[in-house]
Amino acid sequence: MLVLAAPVAAVAAVVGWTFGGFLTSGPQFALLSAPEWAALVLVPVLALAAGLALVGRYERMLRRVWQDGAASSADS
Protein backbone atom coordinates (compact mmCIF):
# COMPACT_ATOMS: atom_id res chain seq x y z
CA MET A 1 0.00 0.00 0.00
CA LEU A 2 2.79 2.42 0.88
CA VAL A 3 4.57 1.77 -2.42
CA LEU A 4 1.43 2.69 -4.33
CA ALA A 5 0.88 5.79 -2.21
CA ALA A 6 4.49 6.99 -2.59
CA PRO A 7 4.03 8.52 -6.09
CA VAL A 8 0.95 10.43 -4.95
CA ALA A 9 2.76 11.75 -1.90
CA ALA A 10 5.80 12.66 -4.00
CA VAL A 11 3.75 14.66 -6.49
CA ALA A 12 1.85 16.37 -3.69
CA ALA A 13 5.16 17.33 -2.09
CA VAL A 14 6.57 18.64 -5.37
CA VAL A 15 3.47 20.69 -6.09
CA GLY A 16 3.24 21.96 -2.53
CA TRP A 17 6.89 22.96 -2.17
CA THR A 18 7.83 23.90 -5.72
CA PHE A 19 4.66 25.28 -7.26
CA GLY A 20 3.16 26.84 -4.13
CA GLY A 21 0.28 24.39 -3.69
CA PHE A 22 -2.55 23.04 -5.79
CA LEU A 23 -4.95 25.97 -5.41
CA THR A 24 -2.45 28.73 -6.19
CA SER A 25 -0.79 26.85 -9.05
CA GLY A 26 -3.95 25.47 -10.70
CA PRO A 27 -4.26 28.03 -13.51
CA GLN A 28 -0.49 28.22 -13.84
CA PHE A 29 -0.01 24.58 -14.85
CA ALA A 30 -0.34 25.59 -18.50
CA LEU A 31 2.61 27.94 -18.03
CA LEU A 32 5.06 25.36 -16.65
CA SER A 33 8.44 25.04 -18.29
CA ALA A 34 9.81 21.80 -19.71
CA PRO A 35 11.90 20.96 -16.60
CA GLU A 36 8.86 21.50 -14.37
CA TRP A 37 6.75 19.17 -16.52
CA ALA A 38 9.59 16.65 -16.50
CA ALA A 39 9.66 16.82 -12.70
CA LEU A 40 5.92 16.19 -12.54
CA VAL A 41 6.37 13.11 -14.72
CA LEU A 42 9.64 11.75 -13.36
CA VAL A 43 9.07 12.20 -9.62
CA PRO A 44 6.17 9.71 -9.36
CA VAL A 45 7.89 7.23 -11.69
CA LEU A 46 11.09 7.37 -9.63
CA ALA A 47 9.15 7.12 -6.36
CA LEU A 48 7.34 4.01 -7.59
CA ALA A 49 10.58 2.45 -8.86
CA ALA A 50 12.34 3.12 -5.56
CA GLY A 51 9.43 1.65 -3.60
CA LEU A 52 9.34 -1.48 -5.76
CA ALA A 53 13.12 -1.87 -5.39
CA LEU A 54 12.81 -1.64 -1.61
CA VAL A 55 10.01 -4.22 -1.57
CA GLY A 56 12.10 -6.56 -3.72
CA ARG A 57 15.09 -6.13 -1.43
CA TYR A 58 12.95 -6.79 1.64
CA GLU A 59 11.47 -9.93 0.06
CA ARG A 60 14.95 -11.25 -0.82
CA MET A 61 16.06 -10.63 2.76
CA LEU A 62 13.03 -12.48 4.13
CA ARG A 63 13.63 -15.37 1.75
CA ARG A 64 17.28 -15.58 2.85
CA VAL A 65 16.31 -15.55 6.54
CA TRP A 66 13.67 -18.20 5.91
CA GLN A 67 16.13 -20.43 4.02
CA ASP A 68 18.78 -20.01 6.73
CA GLY A 69 16.21 -20.90 9.38
CA ALA A 70 15.04 -23.94 7.44
CA ALA A 71 18.63 -25.09 6.89
CA SER A 72 19.56 -24.71 10.57
CA SER A 73 16.45 -26.58 11.74
CA ALA A 74 17.18 -29.39 9.26
CA ASP A 75 20.72 -29.72 10.66
CA SER A 76 19.42 -30.20 14.20
PDB file of N, CA and C in Angstrom:
ATOM      1  N   MET A   1       0.823  -1.186   0.000  1.00  0.00           N
ATOM      2  CA  MET A   1       0.000   0.000   0.000  1.00  0.00           C
ATOM      3  C   MET A   1       0.874   1.260   0.000  1.00  0.00           C
ATOM      4  N   LEU A   2       1.936   1.239   0.800  1.00  0.00           N
ATOM      5  CA  LEU A   2       2.789   2.417   0.881  1.00  0.00           C
ATOM      6  C   LEU A   2       3.522   2.678  -0.437  1.00  0.00           C
ATOM      7  N   VAL A   3       3.875   1.596  -1.137  1.00  0.00           N
ATOM      8  CA  VAL A   3       4.568   1.768  -2.418  1.00  0.00           C
ATOM      9  C   VAL A   3       3.641   2.431  -3.431  1.00  0.00           C
ATOM     10  N   LEU A   4       2.378   2.080  -3.403  1.00  0.00           N
ATOM     11  CA  LEU A   4       1.429   2.693  -4.331  1.00  0.00           C
ATOM     12  C   LEU A   4       1.080   4.122  -3.936  1.00  0.00           C
ATOM     13  N   ALA A   5       1.175   4.435  -2.667  1.00  0.00           N
ATOM     14  CA  ALA A   5       0.883   5.791  -2.207  1.00  0.00           C
ATOM     15  C   ALA A   5       2.083   6.726  -2.361  1.00  0.00           C
ATOM     16  N   ALA A   6       3.274   6.169  -2.497  1.00  0.00           N
ATOM     17  CA  ALA A   6       4.488   6.992  -2.590  1.00  0.00           C
ATOM     18  C   ALA A   6       4.469   7.958  -3.775  1.00  0.00           C
ATOM     19  N   PRO A   7       4.067   7.543  -4.993  1.00  0.00           N
ATOM     20  CA  PRO A   7       4.032   8.516  -6.094  1.00  0.00           C
ATOM     21  C   PRO A   7       3.060   9.668  -5.856  1.00  0.00           C
ATOM     22  N   VAL A   8       1.930   9.381  -5.245  1.00  0.00           N
ATOM     23  CA  VAL A   8       0.954  10.432  -4.953  1.00  0.00           C
ATOM     24  C   VAL A   8       1.527  11.419  -3.947  1.00  0.00           C
ATOM     25  N   ALA A   9       2.151  10.884  -2.909  1.00  0.00           N
ATOM     26  CA  ALA A   9       2.764  11.754  -1.901  1.00  0.00           C
ATOM     27  C   ALA A   9       3.911  12.562  -2.488  1.00  0.00           C
ATOM     28  N   ALA A  10       4.673  11.950  -3.379  1.00  0.00           N
ATOM     29  CA  ALA A  10       5.797  12.658  -3.996  1.00  0.00           C
ATOM     30  C   ALA A  10       5.309  13.817  -4.863  1.00  0.00           C
ATOM     31  N   VAL A  11       4.281  13.578  -5.652  1.00  0.00           N
ATOM     32  CA  VAL A  11       3.746  14.656  -6.494  1.00  0.00           C
ATOM     33  C   VAL A  11       3.133  15.746  -5.622  1.00  0.00           C
ATOM     34  N   ALA A  12       2.429  15.369  -4.587  1.00  0.00           N
ATOM     35  CA  ALA A  12       1.852  16.372  -3.690  1.00  0.00           C
ATOM     36  C   ALA A  12       2.944  17.211  -3.047  1.00  0.00           C
ATOM     37  N   ALA A  13       4.046  16.582  -2.676  1.00  0.00           N
ATOM     38  CA  ALA A  13       5.160  17.328  -2.090  1.00  0.00           C
ATOM     39  C   ALA A  13       5.790  18.267  -3.108  1.00  0.00           C
ATOM     40  N   VAL A  14       5.971  17.789  -4.329  1.00  0.00           N
ATOM     41  CA  VAL A  14       6.573  18.645  -5.373  1.00  0.00           C
ATOM     42  C   VAL A  14       5.669  19.834  -5.665  1.00  0.00           C
ATOM     43  N   VAL A  15       4.390  19.595  -5.798  1.00  0.00           N
ATOM     44  CA  VAL A  15       3.466  20.690  -6.095  1.00  0.00           C
ATOM     45  C   VAL A  15       3.381  21.649  -4.910  1.00  0.00           C
ATOM     46  N   GLY A  16       3.342  21.110  -3.715  1.00  0.00           N
ATOM     47  CA  GLY A  16       3.239  21.963  -2.533  1.00  0.00           C
ATOM     48  C   GLY A  16       4.469  22.815  -2.305  1.00  0.00           C
ATOM     49  N   TRP A  17       5.650  22.222  -2.455  1.00  0.00           N
ATOM     50  CA  TRP A  17       6.886  22.957  -2.173  1.00  0.00           C
ATOM     51  C   TRP A  17       7.375  23.771  -3.348  1.00  0.00           C
ATOM     52  N   THR A  18       7.255  23.234  -4.554  1.00  0.00           N
ATOM     53  CA  THR A  18       7.832  23.899  -5.719  1.00  0.00           C
ATOM     54  C   THR A  18       6.866  24.871  -6.383  1.00  0.00           C
ATOM     55  N   PHE A  19       5.620  24.466  -6.523  1.00  0.00           N
ATOM     56  CA  PHE A  19       4.659  25.283  -7.259  1.00  0.00           C
ATOM     57  C   PHE A  19       3.750  26.107  -6.356  1.00  0.00           C
ATOM     58  N   GLY A  20       3.935  26.031  -5.063  1.00  0.00           N
ATOM     59  CA  GLY A  20       3.158  26.843  -4.133  1.00  0.00           C
ATOM     60  C   GLY A  20       1.794  26.284  -3.801  1.00  0.00           C
ATOM     61  N   GLY A  21       1.547  25.016  -4.039  1.00  0.00           N
ATOM     62  CA  GLY A  21       0.279  24.393  -3.688  1.00  0.00           C
ATOM     63  C   GLY A  21      -0.631  24.202  -4.883  1.00  0.00           C
ATOM     64  N   PHE A  22      -1.629  23.370  -4.703  1.00  0.00           N
ATOM     65  CA  PHE A  22      -2.549  23.044  -5.794  1.00  0.00           C
ATOM     66  C   PHE A  22      -3.464  24.222  -6.141  1.00  0.00           C
ATOM     67  N   LEU A  23      -3.988  24.901  -5.141  1.00  0.00           N
ATOM     68  CA  LEU A  23      -4.950  25.973  -5.412  1.00  0.00           C
ATOM     69  C   LEU A  23      -4.285  27.176  -6.077  1.00  0.00           C
ATOM     70  N   THR A  24      -3.112  27.550  -5.615  1.00  0.00           N
ATOM     71  CA  THR A  24      -2.450  28.726  -6.190  1.00  0.00           C
ATOM     72  C   THR A  24      -1.811  28.432  -7.534  1.00  0.00           C
ATOM     73  N   SER A  25      -1.457  27.165  -7.786  1.00  0.00           N
ATOM     74  CA  SER A  25      -0.791  26.854  -9.052  1.00  0.00           C
ATOM     75  C   SER A  25      -1.737  26.276 -10.094  1.00  0.00           C
ATOM     76  N   GLY A  26      -2.993  26.075  -9.769  1.00  0.00           N
ATOM     77  CA  GLY A  26      -3.948  25.472 -10.701  1.00  0.00           C
ATOM     78  C   GLY A  26      -3.968  26.115 -12.072  1.00  0.00           C
ATOM     79  N   PRO A  27      -4.241  27.414 -12.182  1.00  0.00           N
ATOM     80  CA  PRO A  27      -4.264  28.028 -13.508  1.00  0.00           C
ATOM     81  C   PRO A  27      -2.874  28.153 -14.131  1.00  0.00           C
ATOM     82  N   GLN A  28      -1.846  28.046 -13.319  1.00  0.00           N
ATOM     83  CA  GLN A  28      -0.490  28.223 -13.835  1.00  0.00           C
ATOM     84  C   GLN A  28       0.097  26.954 -14.426  1.00  0.00           C
ATOM     85  N   PHE A  29      -0.579  25.816 -14.328  1.00  0.00           N
ATOM     86  CA  PHE A  29      -0.015  24.579 -14.847  1.00  0.00           C
ATOM     87  C   PHE A  29       0.212  24.651 -16.354  1.00  0.00           C
ATOM     88  N   ALA A  30      -0.552  25.444 -17.063  1.00  0.00           N
ATOM     89  CA  ALA A  30      -0.336  25.585 -18.501  1.00  0.00           C
ATOM     90  C   ALA A  30       0.943  26.363 -18.791  1.00  0.00           C
ATOM     91  N   LEU A  31       1.432  27.119 -17.832  1.00  0.00           N
ATOM     92  CA  LEU A  31       2.614  27.944 -18.033  1.00  0.00           C
ATOM     93  C   LEU A  31       3.897  27.298 -17.513  1.00  0.00           C
ATOM     94  N   LEU A  32       3.872  26.027 -17.181  1.00  0.00           N
ATOM     95  CA  LEU A  32       5.057  25.361 -16.655  1.00  0.00           C
ATOM     96  C   LEU A  32       6.099  25.189 -17.749  1.00  0.00           C
ATOM     97  N   SER A  33       7.349  25.245 -17.343  1.00  0.00           N
ATOM     98  CA  SER A  33       8.443  25.041 -18.294  1.00  0.00           C
ATOM     99  C   SER A  33       8.681  23.539 -18.474  1.00  0.00           C
ATOM    100  N   ALA A  34       9.516  23.208 -19.423  1.00  0.00           N
ATOM    101  CA  ALA A  34       9.815  21.799 -19.709  1.00  0.00           C
ATOM    102  C   ALA A  34      10.426  21.076 -18.504  1.00  0.00           C
ATOM    103  N   PRO A  35      11.377  21.663 -17.779  1.00  0.00           N
ATOM    104  CA  PRO A  35      11.901  20.960 -16.598  1.00  0.00           C
ATOM    105  C   PRO A  35      10.845  20.740 -15.514  1.00  0.00           C
ATOM    106  N   GLU A  36       9.916  21.675 -15.368  1.00  0.00           N
ATOM    107  CA  GLU A  36       8.862  21.500 -14.372  1.00  0.00           C
ATOM    108  C   GLU A  36       7.919  20.366 -14.768  1.00  0.00           C
ATOM    109  N   TRP A  37       7.570  20.276 -16.060  1.00  0.00           N
ATOM    110  CA  TRP A  37       6.746  19.171 -16.524  1.00  0.00           C
ATOM    111  C   TRP A  37       7.492  17.851 -16.369  1.00  0.00           C
ATOM    112  N   ALA A  38       8.788  17.867 -16.656  1.00  0.00           N
ATOM    113  CA  ALA A  38       9.590  16.655 -16.497  1.00  0.00           C
ATOM    114  C   ALA A  38       9.598  16.208 -15.039  1.00  0.00           C
ATOM    115  N   ALA A  39       9.698  17.167 -14.115  1.00  0.00           N
ATOM    116  CA  ALA A  39       9.664  16.820 -12.696  1.00  0.00           C
ATOM    117  C   ALA A  39       8.324  16.207 -12.320  1.00  0.00           C
ATOM    118  N   LEU A  40       7.245  16.746 -12.851  1.00  0.00           N
ATOM    119  CA  LEU A  40       5.918  16.190 -12.541  1.00  0.00           C
ATOM    120  C   LEU A  40       5.746  14.785 -13.088  1.00  0.00           C
ATOM    121  N   VAL A  41       6.456  14.455 -14.152  1.00  0.00           N
ATOM    122  CA  VAL A  41       6.373  13.111 -14.725  1.00  0.00           C
ATOM    123  C   VAL A  41       7.366  12.167 -14.057  1.00  0.00           C
ATOM    124  N   LEU A  42       8.590  12.635 -13.853  1.00  0.00           N
ATOM    125  CA  LEU A  42       9.644  11.750 -13.358  1.00  0.00           C
ATOM    126  C   LEU A  42       9.553  11.458 -11.862  1.00  0.00           C
ATOM    127  N   VAL A  43       9.109  12.404 -11.074  1.00  0.00           N
ATOM    128  CA  VAL A  43       9.067  12.198  -9.619  1.00  0.00           C
ATOM    129  C   VAL A  43       8.184  11.011  -9.237  1.00  0.00           C
ATOM    130  N   PRO A  44       6.962  10.890  -9.748  1.00  0.00           N
ATOM    131  CA  PRO A  44       6.173   9.712  -9.360  1.00  0.00           C
ATOM    132  C   PRO A  44       6.741   8.402  -9.909  1.00  0.00           C
ATOM    133  N   VAL A  45       7.305   8.445 -11.109  1.00  0.00           N
ATOM    134  CA  VAL A  45       7.894   7.230 -11.685  1.00  0.00           C
ATOM    135  C   VAL A  45       9.079   6.774 -10.833  1.00  0.00           C
ATOM    136  N   LEU A  46       9.934   7.707 -10.459  1.00  0.00           N
ATOM    137  CA  LEU A  46      11.092   7.365  -9.627  1.00  0.00           C
ATOM    138  C   LEU A  46      10.671   6.922  -8.227  1.00  0.00           C
ATOM    139  N   ALA A  47       9.639   7.534  -7.678  1.00  0.00           N
ATOM    140  CA  ALA A  47       9.147   7.125  -6.360  1.00  0.00           C
ATOM    141  C   ALA A  47       8.597   5.701  -6.399  1.00  0.00           C
ATOM    142  N   LEU A  48       7.872   5.368  -7.440  1.00  0.00           N
ATOM    143  CA  LEU A  48       7.344   4.009  -7.588  1.00  0.00           C
ATOM    144  C   LEU A  48       8.476   3.015  -7.788  1.00  0.00           C
ATOM    145  N   ALA A  49       9.447   3.346  -8.625  1.00  0.00           N
ATOM    146  CA  ALA A  49      10.581   2.453  -8.864  1.00  0.00           C
ATOM    147  C   ALA A  49      11.377   2.219  -7.586  1.00  0.00           C
ATOM    148  N   ALA A  50      11.602   3.271  -6.813  1.00  0.00           N
ATOM    149  CA  ALA A  50      12.338   3.125  -5.557  1.00  0.00           C
ATOM    150  C   ALA A  50      11.556   2.260  -4.570  1.00  0.00           C
ATOM    151  N   GLY A  51      10.251   2.463  -4.490  1.00  0.00           N
ATOM    152  CA  GLY A  51       9.426   1.649  -3.604  1.00  0.00           C
ATOM    153  C   GLY A  51       9.423   0.181  -3.994  1.00  0.00           C
ATOM    154  N   LEU A  52       9.317  -0.097  -5.294  1.00  0.00           N
ATOM    155  CA  LEU A  52       9.344  -1.476  -5.761  1.00  0.00           C
ATOM    156  C   LEU A  52      10.706  -2.118  -5.513  1.00  0.00           C
ATOM    157  N   ALA A  53      11.781  -1.351  -5.676  1.00  0.00           N
ATOM    158  CA  ALA A  53      13.122  -1.875  -5.393  1.00  0.00           C
ATOM    159  C   ALA A  53      13.262  -2.212  -3.914  1.00  0.00           C
ATOM    160  N   LEU A  54      12.743  -1.365  -3.046  1.00  0.00           N
ATOM    161  CA  LEU A  54      12.808  -1.641  -1.611  1.00  0.00           C
ATOM    162  C   LEU A  54      11.990  -2.871  -1.227  1.00  0.00           C
ATOM    163  N   VAL A  55      10.828  -3.032  -1.842  1.00  0.00           N
ATOM    164  CA  VAL A  55      10.011  -4.219  -1.569  1.00  0.00           C
ATOM    165  C   VAL A  55      10.732  -5.474  -2.042  1.00  0.00           C
ATOM    166  N   GLY A  56      11.338  -5.416  -3.220  1.00  0.00           N
ATOM    167  CA  GLY A  56      12.096  -6.559  -3.722  1.00  0.00           C
ATOM    168  C   GLY A  56      13.266  -6.912  -2.821  1.00  0.00           C
ATOM    169  N   ARG A  57      13.975  -5.903  -2.344  1.00  0.00           N
ATOM    170  CA  ARG A  57      15.094  -6.132  -1.432  1.00  0.00           C
ATOM    171  C   ARG A  57      14.612  -6.748  -0.123  1.00  0.00           C
ATOM    172  N   TYR A  58      13.514  -6.247   0.403  1.00  0.00           N
ATOM    173  CA  TYR A  58      12.946  -6.785   1.641  1.00  0.00           C
ATOM    174  C   TYR A  58      12.516  -8.242   1.450  1.00  0.00           C
ATOM    175  N   GLU A  59      11.903  -8.558   0.314  1.00  0.00           N
ATOM    176  CA  GLU A  59      11.470  -9.928   0.060  1.00  0.00           C
ATOM    177  C   GLU A  59      12.664 -10.868  -0.072  1.00  0.00           C
ATOM    178  N   ARG A  60      13.749 -10.421  -0.720  1.00  0.00           N
ATOM    179  CA  ARG A  60      14.954 -11.247  -0.817  1.00  0.00           C
ATOM    180  C   ARG A  60      15.550 -11.500   0.562  1.00  0.00           C
ATOM    181  N   MET A  61      15.541 -10.475   1.408  1.00  0.00           N
ATOM    182  CA  MET A  61      16.060 -10.626   2.762  1.00  0.00           C
ATOM    183  C   MET A  61      15.214 -11.634   3.547  1.00  0.00           C
ATOM    184  N   LEU A  62      13.905 -11.530   3.436  1.00  0.00           N
ATOM    185  CA  LEU A  62      13.033 -12.477   4.130  1.00  0.00           C
ATOM    186  C   LEU A  62      13.241 -13.896   3.628  1.00  0.00           C
ATOM    187  N   ARG A  63      13.409 -14.041   2.315  1.00  0.00           N
ATOM    188  CA  ARG A  63      13.634 -15.367   1.745  1.00  0.00           C
ATOM    189  C   ARG A  63      14.949 -15.951   2.257  1.00  0.00           C
ATOM    190  N   ARG A  64      15.987 -15.131   2.351  1.00  0.00           N
ATOM    191  CA  ARG A  64      17.281 -15.582   2.845  1.00  0.00           C
ATOM    192  C   ARG A  64      17.171 -16.002   4.312  1.00  0.00           C
ATOM    193  N   VAL A  65      16.485 -15.210   5.118  1.00  0.00           N
ATOM    194  CA  VAL A  65      16.305 -15.547   6.536  1.00  0.00           C
ATOM    195  C   VAL A  65      15.509 -16.836   6.668  1.00  0.00           C
ATOM    196  N   TRP A  66      14.491 -17.000   5.850  1.00  0.00           N
ATOM    197  CA  TRP A  66      13.671 -18.203   5.913  1.00  0.00           C
ATOM    198  C   TRP A  66      14.492 -19.426   5.509  1.00  0.00           C
ATOM    199  N   GLN A  67      15.309 -19.303   4.457  1.00  0.00           N
ATOM    200  CA  GLN A  67      16.134 -20.425   4.015  1.00  0.00           C
ATOM    201  C   GLN A  67      17.196 -20.768   5.059  1.00  0.00           C
ATOM    202  N   ASP A  68      17.792 -19.752   5.685  1.00  0.00           N
ATOM    203  CA  ASP A  68      18.776 -20.014   6.731  1.00  0.00           C
ATOM    204  C   ASP A  68      18.130 -20.687   7.929  1.00  0.00           C
ATOM    205  N   GLY A  69      16.938 -20.267   8.264  1.00  0.00           N
ATOM    206  CA  GLY A  69      16.214 -20.897   9.381  1.00  0.00           C
ATOM    207  C   GLY A  69      15.833 -22.331   9.071  1.00  0.00           C
ATOM    208  N   ALA A  70      15.410 -22.590   7.838  1.00  0.00           N
ATOM    209  CA  ALA A  70      15.044 -23.938   7.445  1.00  0.00           C
ATOM    210  C   ALA A  70      16.271 -24.838   7.404  1.00  0.00           C
ATOM    211  N   ALA A  71      17.406 -24.295   6.958  1.00  0.00           N
ATOM    212  CA  ALA A  71      18.628 -25.087   6.895  1.00  0.00           C
ATOM    213  C   ALA A  71      19.143 -25.414   8.290  1.00  0.00           C
ATOM    214  N   SER A  72      19.073 -24.453   9.216  1.00  0.00           N
ATOM    215  CA  SER A  72      19.560 -24.710  10.566  1.00  0.00           C
ATOM    216  C   SER A  72      18.662 -25.666  11.320  1.00  0.00           C
ATOM    217  N   SER A  73      17.363 -25.628  11.051  1.00  0.00           N
ATOM    218  CA  SER A  73      16.454 -26.580  11.738  1.00  0.00           C
ATOM    219  C   SER A  73      16.594 -27.975  11.137  1.00  0.00           C
ATOM    220  N   ALA A  74      16.975 -28.078   9.878  1.00  0.00           N
ATOM    221  CA  ALA A  74      17.182 -29.387   9.261  1.00  0.00           C
ATOM    222  C   ALA A  74      18.471 -30.032   9.766  1.00  0.00           C
ATOM    223  N   ASP A  75      19.461 -29.207  10.137  1.00  0.00           N
ATOM    224  CA  ASP A  75      20.718 -29.720  10.659  1.00  0.00           C
ATOM    225  C   ASP A  75      20.561 -30.268  12.064  1.00  0.00           C
ATOM    226  N   SER A  76      19.573 -29.801  12.792  1.00  0.00           N
ATOM    227  CA  SER A  76      19.415 -30.198  14.197  1.00  0.00           C
ATOM    228  C   SER A  76      18.934 -31.583  14.358  1.00  0.00           C
TER     229      SER A  76
END
